[in-house]
PDB file of N, CA and C in Angstrom:
ATOM      1  N   UNK A   1       2.648 -58.642  17.191  1.00  0.00           N
ATOM      2  CA  UNK A   1       2.195 -58.790  18.563  1.00  0.00           C
ATOM      3  C   UNK A   1       2.681 -60.141  19.070  1.00  0.00           C
ATOM      4  N   UNK A   2       3.173 -60.143  20.293  1.00  0.00           N
ATOM      5  CA  UNK A   2       3.610 -61.385  20.917  1.00  0.00           C
ATOM      6  C   UNK A   2       2.441 -62.039  21.652  1.00  0.00           C
ATOM      7  N   UNK A   3       2.639 -63.305  22.023  1.00  0.00           N
ATOM      8  CA  UNK A   3       1.609 -64.002  22.790  1.00  0.00           C
ATOM      9  C   UNK A   3       1.368 -63.307  24.130  1.00  0.00           C
ATOM     10  N   UNK A   4       2.423 -62.852  24.772  1.00  0.00           N
ATOM     11  CA  UNK A   4       2.280 -62.164  26.060  1.00  0.00           C
ATOM     12  C   UNK A   4       1.476 -60.877  25.918  1.00  0.00           C
ATOM     13  N   UNK A   5       1.714 -60.131  24.840  1.00  0.00           N
ATOM     14  CA  UNK A   5       0.941 -58.906  24.600  1.00  0.00           C
ATOM     15  C   UNK A   5      -0.534 -59.239  24.382  1.00  0.00           C
ATOM     16  N   UNK A   6      -0.802 -60.303  23.632  1.00  0.00           N
ATOM     17  CA  UNK A   6      -2.173 -60.710  23.382  1.00  0.00           C
ATOM     18  C   UNK A   6      -2.885 -61.042  24.691  1.00  0.00           C
ATOM     19  N   UNK A   7      -2.217 -61.784  25.557  1.00  0.00           N
ATOM     20  CA  UNK A   7      -2.820 -62.159  26.839  1.00  0.00           C
ATOM     21  C   UNK A   7      -3.170 -60.911  27.644  1.00  0.00           C
ATOM     22  N   UNK A   8      -2.309 -59.918  27.618  1.00  0.00           N
ATOM     23  CA  UNK A   8      -2.579 -58.685  28.361  1.00  0.00           C
ATOM     24  C   UNK A   8      -3.758 -57.903  27.789  1.00  0.00           C
ATOM     25  N   UNK A   9      -4.034 -58.081  26.501  1.00  0.00           N
ATOM     26  CA  UNK A   9      -5.091 -57.313  25.835  1.00  0.00           C
ATOM     27  C   UNK A   9      -6.392 -58.084  25.642  1.00  0.00           C
ATOM     28  N   UNK A  10      -6.423 -59.356  26.021  1.00  0.00           N
ATOM     29  CA  UNK A  10      -7.566 -60.192  25.684  1.00  0.00           C
ATOM     30  C   UNK A  10      -8.874 -59.671  26.274  1.00  0.00           C
ATOM     31  N   UNK A  11      -8.867 -59.177  27.489  1.00  0.00           N
ATOM     32  CA  UNK A  11     -10.102 -58.668  28.087  1.00  0.00           C
ATOM     33  C   UNK A  11     -10.621 -57.468  27.300  1.00  0.00           C
ATOM     34  N   UNK A  12      -9.733 -56.554  26.965  1.00  0.00           N
ATOM     35  CA  UNK A  12     -10.142 -55.386  26.179  1.00  0.00           C
ATOM     36  C   UNK A  12     -10.659 -55.822  24.813  1.00  0.00           C
ATOM     37  N   UNK A  13     -10.031 -56.826  24.214  1.00  0.00           N
ATOM     38  CA  UNK A  13     -10.489 -57.342  22.928  1.00  0.00           C
ATOM     39  C   UNK A  13     -11.905 -57.897  23.037  1.00  0.00           C
ATOM     40  N   UNK A  14     -12.125 -58.738  24.038  1.00  0.00           N
ATOM     41  CA  UNK A  14     -13.437 -59.355  24.204  1.00  0.00           C
ATOM     42  C   UNK A  14     -14.523 -58.333  24.535  1.00  0.00           C
ATOM     43  N   UNK A  15     -14.134 -57.224  25.129  1.00  0.00           N
ATOM     44  CA  UNK A  15     -15.087 -56.155  25.448  1.00  0.00           C
ATOM     45  C   UNK A  15     -15.239 -55.154  24.299  1.00  0.00           C
ATOM     46  N   UNK A  16     -14.486 -55.350  23.208  1.00  0.00           N
ATOM     47  CA  UNK A  16     -14.558 -54.433  22.072  1.00  0.00           C
ATOM     48  C   UNK A  16     -13.946 -53.083  22.356  1.00  0.00           C
ATOM     49  N   UNK A  17     -12.940 -53.054  23.236  1.00  0.00           N
ATOM     50  CA  UNK A  17     -12.375 -51.784  23.683  1.00  0.00           C
ATOM     51  C   UNK A  17     -11.007 -51.451  23.071  1.00  0.00           C
ATOM     52  N   UNK A  18     -10.543 -52.235  22.109  1.00  0.00           N
ATOM     53  CA  UNK A  18      -9.250 -51.941  21.495  1.00  0.00           C
ATOM     54  C   UNK A  18      -9.412 -50.914  20.372  1.00  0.00           C
ATOM     55  N   UNK A  19      -8.386 -50.090  20.193  1.00  0.00           N
ATOM     56  CA  UNK A  19      -8.403 -49.193  19.039  1.00  0.00           C
ATOM     57  C   UNK A  19      -8.226 -50.039  17.781  1.00  0.00           C
ATOM     58  N   UNK A  20      -8.546 -49.475  16.631  1.00  0.00           N
ATOM     59  CA  UNK A  20      -8.552 -50.229  15.370  1.00  0.00           C
ATOM     60  C   UNK A  20      -7.217 -50.887  15.052  1.00  0.00           C
ATOM     61  N   UNK A  21      -6.129 -50.165  15.231  1.00  0.00           N
ATOM     62  CA  UNK A  21      -4.804 -50.705  14.910  1.00  0.00           C
ATOM     63  C   UNK A  21      -4.454 -51.877  15.830  1.00  0.00           C
ATOM     64  N   UNK A  22      -4.697 -51.727  17.112  1.00  0.00           N
ATOM     65  CA  UNK A  22      -4.378 -52.793  18.053  1.00  0.00           C
ATOM     66  C   UNK A  22      -5.258 -54.009  17.804  1.00  0.00           C
ATOM     67  N   UNK A  23      -6.535 -53.784  17.489  1.00  0.00           N
ATOM     68  CA  UNK A  23      -7.419 -54.911  17.183  1.00  0.00           C
ATOM     69  C   UNK A  23      -6.960 -55.637  15.917  1.00  0.00           C
ATOM     70  N   UNK A  24      -6.494 -54.900  14.931  1.00  0.00           N
ATOM     71  CA  UNK A  24      -5.980 -55.522  13.712  1.00  0.00           C
ATOM     72  C   UNK A  24      -4.772 -56.400  14.025  1.00  0.00           C
ATOM     73  N   UNK A  25      -3.850 -55.873  14.841  1.00  0.00           N
ATOM     74  CA  UNK A  25      -2.668 -56.640  15.237  1.00  0.00           C
ATOM     75  C   UNK A  25      -3.066 -57.873  16.043  1.00  0.00           C
ATOM     76  N   UNK A  26      -4.054 -57.719  16.912  1.00  0.00           N
ATOM     77  CA  UNK A  26      -4.569 -58.824  17.717  1.00  0.00           C
ATOM     78  C   UNK A  26      -5.117 -59.917  16.791  1.00  0.00           C
ATOM     79  N   UNK A  27      -5.963 -59.526  15.842  1.00  0.00           N
ATOM     80  CA  UNK A  27      -6.560 -60.479  14.898  1.00  0.00           C
ATOM     81  C   UNK A  27      -5.485 -61.141  14.025  1.00  0.00           C
ATOM     82  N   UNK A  28      -4.508 -60.353  13.594  1.00  0.00           N
ATOM     83  CA  UNK A  28      -3.414 -60.907  12.795  1.00  0.00           C
ATOM     84  C   UNK A  28      -2.674 -61.985  13.570  1.00  0.00           C
ATOM     85  N   UNK A  29      -2.441 -61.742  14.844  1.00  0.00           N
ATOM     86  CA  UNK A  29      -1.743 -62.734  15.672  1.00  0.00           C
ATOM     87  C   UNK A  29      -2.577 -64.002  15.805  1.00  0.00           C
ATOM     88  N   UNK A  30      -3.873 -63.846  16.020  1.00  0.00           N
ATOM     89  CA  UNK A  30      -4.746 -65.018  16.149  1.00  0.00           C
ATOM     90  C   UNK A  30      -4.712 -65.883  14.885  1.00  0.00           C
ATOM     91  N   UNK A  31      -4.565 -65.255  13.732  1.00  0.00           N
ATOM     92  CA  UNK A  31      -4.538 -65.994  12.470  1.00  0.00           C
ATOM     93  C   UNK A  31      -3.306 -66.879  12.335  1.00  0.00           C
ATOM     94  N   UNK A  32      -2.218 -66.514  13.017  1.00  0.00           N
ATOM     95  CA  UNK A  32      -0.977 -67.289  12.873  1.00  0.00           C
ATOM     96  C   UNK A  32      -0.607 -68.093  14.118  1.00  0.00           C
ATOM     97  N   UNK A  33      -1.356 -67.952  15.199  1.00  0.00           N
ATOM     98  CA  UNK A  33      -0.980 -68.609  16.457  1.00  0.00           C
ATOM     99  C   UNK A  33      -2.140 -69.466  16.977  1.00  0.00           C
ATOM    100  N   UNK A  34      -2.031 -70.761  16.758  1.00  0.00           N
ATOM    101  CA  UNK A  34      -3.086 -71.674  17.199  1.00  0.00           C
ATOM    102  C   UNK A  34      -3.263 -71.660  18.717  1.00  0.00           C
ATOM    103  N   UNK A  35      -2.173 -71.515  19.454  1.00  0.00           N
ATOM    104  CA  UNK A  35      -2.255 -71.498  20.915  1.00  0.00           C
ATOM    105  C   UNK A  35      -3.067 -70.322  21.424  1.00  0.00           C
ATOM    106  N   UNK A  36      -2.832 -69.154  20.883  1.00  0.00           N
ATOM    107  CA  UNK A  36      -3.583 -67.968  21.312  1.00  0.00           C
ATOM    108  C   UNK A  36      -5.029 -68.036  20.836  1.00  0.00           C
ATOM    109  N   UNK A  37      -5.245 -68.596  19.652  1.00  0.00           N
ATOM    110  CA  UNK A  37      -6.605 -68.760  19.163  1.00  0.00           C
ATOM    111  C   UNK A  37      -7.398 -69.668  20.122  1.00  0.00           C
ATOM    112  N   UNK A  38      -6.767 -70.741  20.567  1.00  0.00           N
ATOM    113  CA  UNK A  38      -7.407 -71.648  21.526  1.00  0.00           C
ATOM    114  C   UNK A  38      -7.656 -70.937  22.850  1.00  0.00           C
ATOM    115  N   UNK A  39      -6.685 -70.171  23.311  1.00  0.00           N
ATOM    116  CA  UNK A  39      -6.811 -69.439  24.570  1.00  0.00           C
ATOM    117  C   UNK A  39      -7.999 -68.476  24.536  1.00  0.00           C
ATOM    118  N   UNK A  40      -8.116 -67.700  23.471  1.00  0.00           N
ATOM    119  CA  UNK A  40      -9.210 -66.730  23.354  1.00  0.00           C
ATOM    120  C   UNK A  40     -10.550 -67.462  23.291  1.00  0.00           C
ATOM    121  N   UNK A  41     -10.609 -68.563  22.556  1.00  0.00           N
ATOM    122  CA  UNK A  41     -11.858 -69.326  22.463  1.00  0.00           C
ATOM    123  C   UNK A  41     -12.234 -69.922  23.824  1.00  0.00           C
ATOM    124  N   UNK A  42     -11.255 -70.394  24.586  1.00  0.00           N
ATOM    125  CA  UNK A  42     -11.538 -70.921  25.929  1.00  0.00           C
ATOM    126  C   UNK A  42     -12.085 -69.823  26.834  1.00  0.00           C
ATOM    127  N   UNK A  43     -11.524 -68.632  26.753  1.00  0.00           N
ATOM    128  CA  UNK A  43     -12.040 -67.526  27.557  1.00  0.00           C
ATOM    129  C   UNK A  43     -13.460 -67.162  27.157  1.00  0.00           C
ATOM    130  N   UNK A  44     -13.719 -67.135  25.862  1.00  0.00           N
ATOM    131  CA  UNK A  44     -15.082 -66.838  25.388  1.00  0.00           C
ATOM    132  C   UNK A  44     -16.080 -67.854  25.943  1.00  0.00           C
ATOM    133  N   UNK A  45     -15.716 -69.124  25.863  1.00  0.00           N
ATOM    134  CA  UNK A  45     -16.621 -70.171  26.358  1.00  0.00           C
ATOM    135  C   UNK A  45     -16.799 -70.091  27.867  1.00  0.00           C
ATOM    136  N   UNK A  46     -15.725 -69.796  28.587  1.00  0.00           N
ATOM    137  CA  UNK A  46     -15.819 -69.652  30.040  1.00  0.00           C
ATOM    138  C   UNK A  46     -16.752 -68.511  30.405  1.00  0.00           C
ATOM    139  N   UNK A  47     -16.585 -67.383  29.752  1.00  0.00           N
ATOM    140  CA  UNK A  47     -17.439 -66.219  30.010  1.00  0.00           C
ATOM    141  C   UNK A  47     -18.892 -66.551  29.687  1.00  0.00           C
ATOM    142  N   UNK A  48     -19.092 -67.238  28.574  1.00  0.00           N
ATOM    143  CA  UNK A  48     -20.452 -67.612  28.176  1.00  0.00           C
ATOM    144  C   UNK A  48     -21.091 -68.537  29.211  1.00  0.00           C
ATOM    145  N   UNK A  49     -20.344 -69.532  29.666  1.00  0.00           N
ATOM    146  CA  UNK A  49     -20.893 -70.495  30.625  1.00  0.00           C
ATOM    147  C   UNK A  49     -21.149 -69.848  31.991  1.00  0.00           C
ATOM    148  N   UNK A  50     -20.221 -69.027  32.449  1.00  0.00           N
ATOM    149  CA  UNK A  50     -20.420 -68.343  33.730  1.00  0.00           C
ATOM    150  C   UNK A  50     -21.620 -67.405  33.629  1.00  0.00           C
ATOM    151  N   UNK A  51     -21.799 -66.807  32.466  1.00  0.00           N
ATOM    152  CA  UNK A  51     -22.939 -65.919  32.256  1.00  0.00           C
ATOM    153  C   UNK A  51     -24.277 -66.634  32.319  1.00  0.00           C
ATOM    154  N   UNK A  52     -24.287 -67.950  32.136  1.00  0.00           N
ATOM    155  CA  UNK A  52     -25.522 -68.734  32.196  1.00  0.00           C
ATOM    156  C   UNK A  52     -25.936 -69.078  33.626  1.00  0.00           C
ATOM    157  N   UNK A  53     -25.023 -68.887  34.564  1.00  0.00           N
ATOM    158  CA  UNK A  53     -25.337 -69.202  35.957  1.00  0.00           C
ATOM    159  C   UNK A  53     -26.383 -68.235  36.488  1.00  0.00           C
ATOM    160  N   UNK A  54     -27.328 -68.742  37.263  1.00  0.00           N
ATOM    161  CA  UNK A  54     -28.280 -67.829  37.889  1.00  0.00           C
ATOM    162  C   UNK A  54     -27.537 -66.847  38.791  1.00  0.00           C
ATOM    163  N   UNK A  55     -27.951 -65.594  38.816  1.00  0.00           N
ATOM    164  CA  UNK A  55     -27.236 -64.589  39.606  1.00  0.00           C
ATOM    165  C   UNK A  55     -27.028 -65.005  41.063  1.00  0.00           C
ATOM    166  N   UNK A  56     -27.989 -65.693  41.634  1.00  0.00           N
ATOM    167  CA  UNK A  56     -27.866 -66.061  43.044  1.00  0.00           C
ATOM    168  C   UNK A  56     -26.875 -67.204  43.278  1.00  0.00           C
ATOM    169  N   UNK A  57     -26.383 -67.839  42.213  1.00  0.00           N
ATOM    170  CA  UNK A  57     -25.455 -68.946  42.387  1.00  0.00           C
ATOM    171  C   UNK A  57     -24.045 -68.480  42.747  1.00  0.00           C
ATOM    172  N   UNK A  58     -23.739 -67.221  42.496  1.00  0.00           N
ATOM    173  CA  UNK A  58     -22.455 -66.642  42.886  1.00  0.00           C
ATOM    174  C   UNK A  58     -22.706 -65.491  43.846  1.00  0.00           C
ATOM    175  N   UNK A  59     -21.961 -65.505  44.935  1.00  0.00           N
ATOM    176  CA  UNK A  59     -22.071 -64.365  45.844  1.00  0.00           C
ATOM    177  C   UNK A  59     -21.462 -63.147  45.160  1.00  0.00           C
ATOM    178  N   UNK A  60     -21.808 -61.972  45.627  1.00  0.00           N
ATOM    179  CA  UNK A  60     -21.222 -60.751  45.072  1.00  0.00           C
ATOM    180  C   UNK A  60     -19.707 -60.792  45.186  1.00  0.00           C
ATOM    181  N   UNK A  61     -19.214 -61.300  46.310  1.00  0.00           N
ATOM    182  CA  UNK A  61     -17.769 -61.379  46.517  1.00  0.00           C
ATOM    183  C   UNK A  61     -17.126 -62.335  45.507  1.00  0.00           C
ATOM    184  N   UNK A  62     -17.726 -63.498  45.289  1.00  0.00           N
ATOM    185  CA  UNK A  62     -17.176 -64.462  44.336  1.00  0.00           C
ATOM    186  C   UNK A  62     -17.191 -63.890  42.924  1.00  0.00           C
ATOM    187  N   UNK A  63     -18.278 -63.243  42.555  1.00  0.00           N
ATOM    188  CA  UNK A  63     -18.395 -62.630  41.235  1.00  0.00           C
ATOM    189  C   UNK A  63     -17.318 -61.566  41.046  1.00  0.00           C
ATOM    190  N   UNK A  64     -17.143 -60.694  42.043  1.00  0.00           N
ATOM    191  CA  UNK A  64     -16.148 -59.630  41.961  1.00  0.00           C
ATOM    192  C   UNK A  64     -14.737 -60.198  41.874  1.00  0.00           C
ATOM    193  N   UNK A  65     -14.467 -61.253  42.639  1.00  0.00           N
ATOM    194  CA  UNK A  65     -13.134 -61.874  42.606  1.00  0.00           C
ATOM    195  C   UNK A  65     -12.866 -62.499  41.242  1.00  0.00           C
ATOM    196  N   UNK A  66     -13.866 -63.129  40.664  1.00  0.00           N
ATOM    197  CA  UNK A  66     -13.714 -63.727  39.347  1.00  0.00           C
ATOM    198  C   UNK A  66     -13.447 -62.656  38.292  1.00  0.00           C
ATOM    199  N   UNK A  67     -14.220 -61.593  38.320  1.00  0.00           N
ATOM    200  CA  UNK A  67     -14.005 -60.498  37.370  1.00  0.00           C
ATOM    201  C   UNK A  67     -12.640 -59.857  37.562  1.00  0.00           C
ATOM    202  N   UNK A  68     -12.237 -59.648  38.805  1.00  0.00           N
ATOM    203  CA  UNK A  68     -10.913 -59.072  39.072  1.00  0.00           C
ATOM    204  C   UNK A  68      -9.804 -59.966  38.544  1.00  0.00           C
ATOM    205  N   UNK A  69      -9.975 -61.279  38.693  1.00  0.00           N
ATOM    206  CA  UNK A  69      -8.953 -62.215  38.212  1.00  0.00           C
ATOM    207  C   UNK A  69      -8.795 -62.104  36.697  1.00  0.00           C
ATOM    208  N   UNK A  70      -9.896 -62.003  35.964  1.00  0.00           N
ATOM    209  CA  UNK A  70      -9.799 -61.865  34.509  1.00  0.00           C
ATOM    210  C   UNK A  70      -9.191 -60.528  34.136  1.00  0.00           C
ATOM    211  N   UNK A  71      -9.552 -59.479  34.831  1.00  0.00           N
ATOM    212  CA  UNK A  71      -9.051 -58.146  34.476  1.00  0.00           C
ATOM    213  C   UNK A  71      -7.587 -57.943  34.815  1.00  0.00           C
ATOM    214  N   UNK A  72      -7.118 -58.601  35.864  1.00  0.00           N
ATOM    215  CA  UNK A  72      -5.751 -58.341  36.324  1.00  0.00           C
ATOM    216  C   UNK A  72      -4.752 -59.384  35.847  1.00  0.00           C
ATOM    217  N   UNK A  73      -5.182 -60.396  35.104  1.00  0.00           N
ATOM    218  CA  UNK A  73      -4.264 -61.438  34.648  1.00  0.00           C
ATOM    219  C   UNK A  73      -3.215 -60.845  33.729  1.00  0.00           C
ATOM    220  N   UNK A  74      -1.972 -61.106  34.059  1.00  0.00           N
ATOM    221  CA  UNK A  74      -0.840 -60.643  33.248  1.00  0.00           C
ATOM    222  C   UNK A  74       0.191 -61.762  33.200  1.00  0.00           C
ATOM    223  N   UNK A  75       0.976 -61.777  32.133  1.00  0.00           N
ATOM    224  CA  UNK A  75       2.101 -62.685  32.061  1.00  0.00           C
ATOM    225  C   UNK A  75       3.376 -61.891  32.294  1.00  0.00           C
ATOM    226  N   UNK A  76       4.379 -62.545  32.775  1.00  0.00           N
ATOM    227  CA  UNK A  76       5.662 -61.877  33.004  1.00  0.00           C
ATOM    228  C   UNK A  76       6.671 -62.270  31.956  1.00  0.00           C
TER     229      UNK A  76
END
């Protein structure tokens, strides 16, 4: 798996939505790539911190835009 492929799959990985083979390849890549390991950990922490915000602190529009940004992020 390349770094670009990992970035495209990170949301599915964090949601536990990858098939077994793809998750294995994802984990294998994380074991050999410090940059991707850092990237995934930063996303986990960001999600955790945003999740701590009181619901009223983000408008529905802001929340939806943030979620859309994470779901649609792709590298070229």
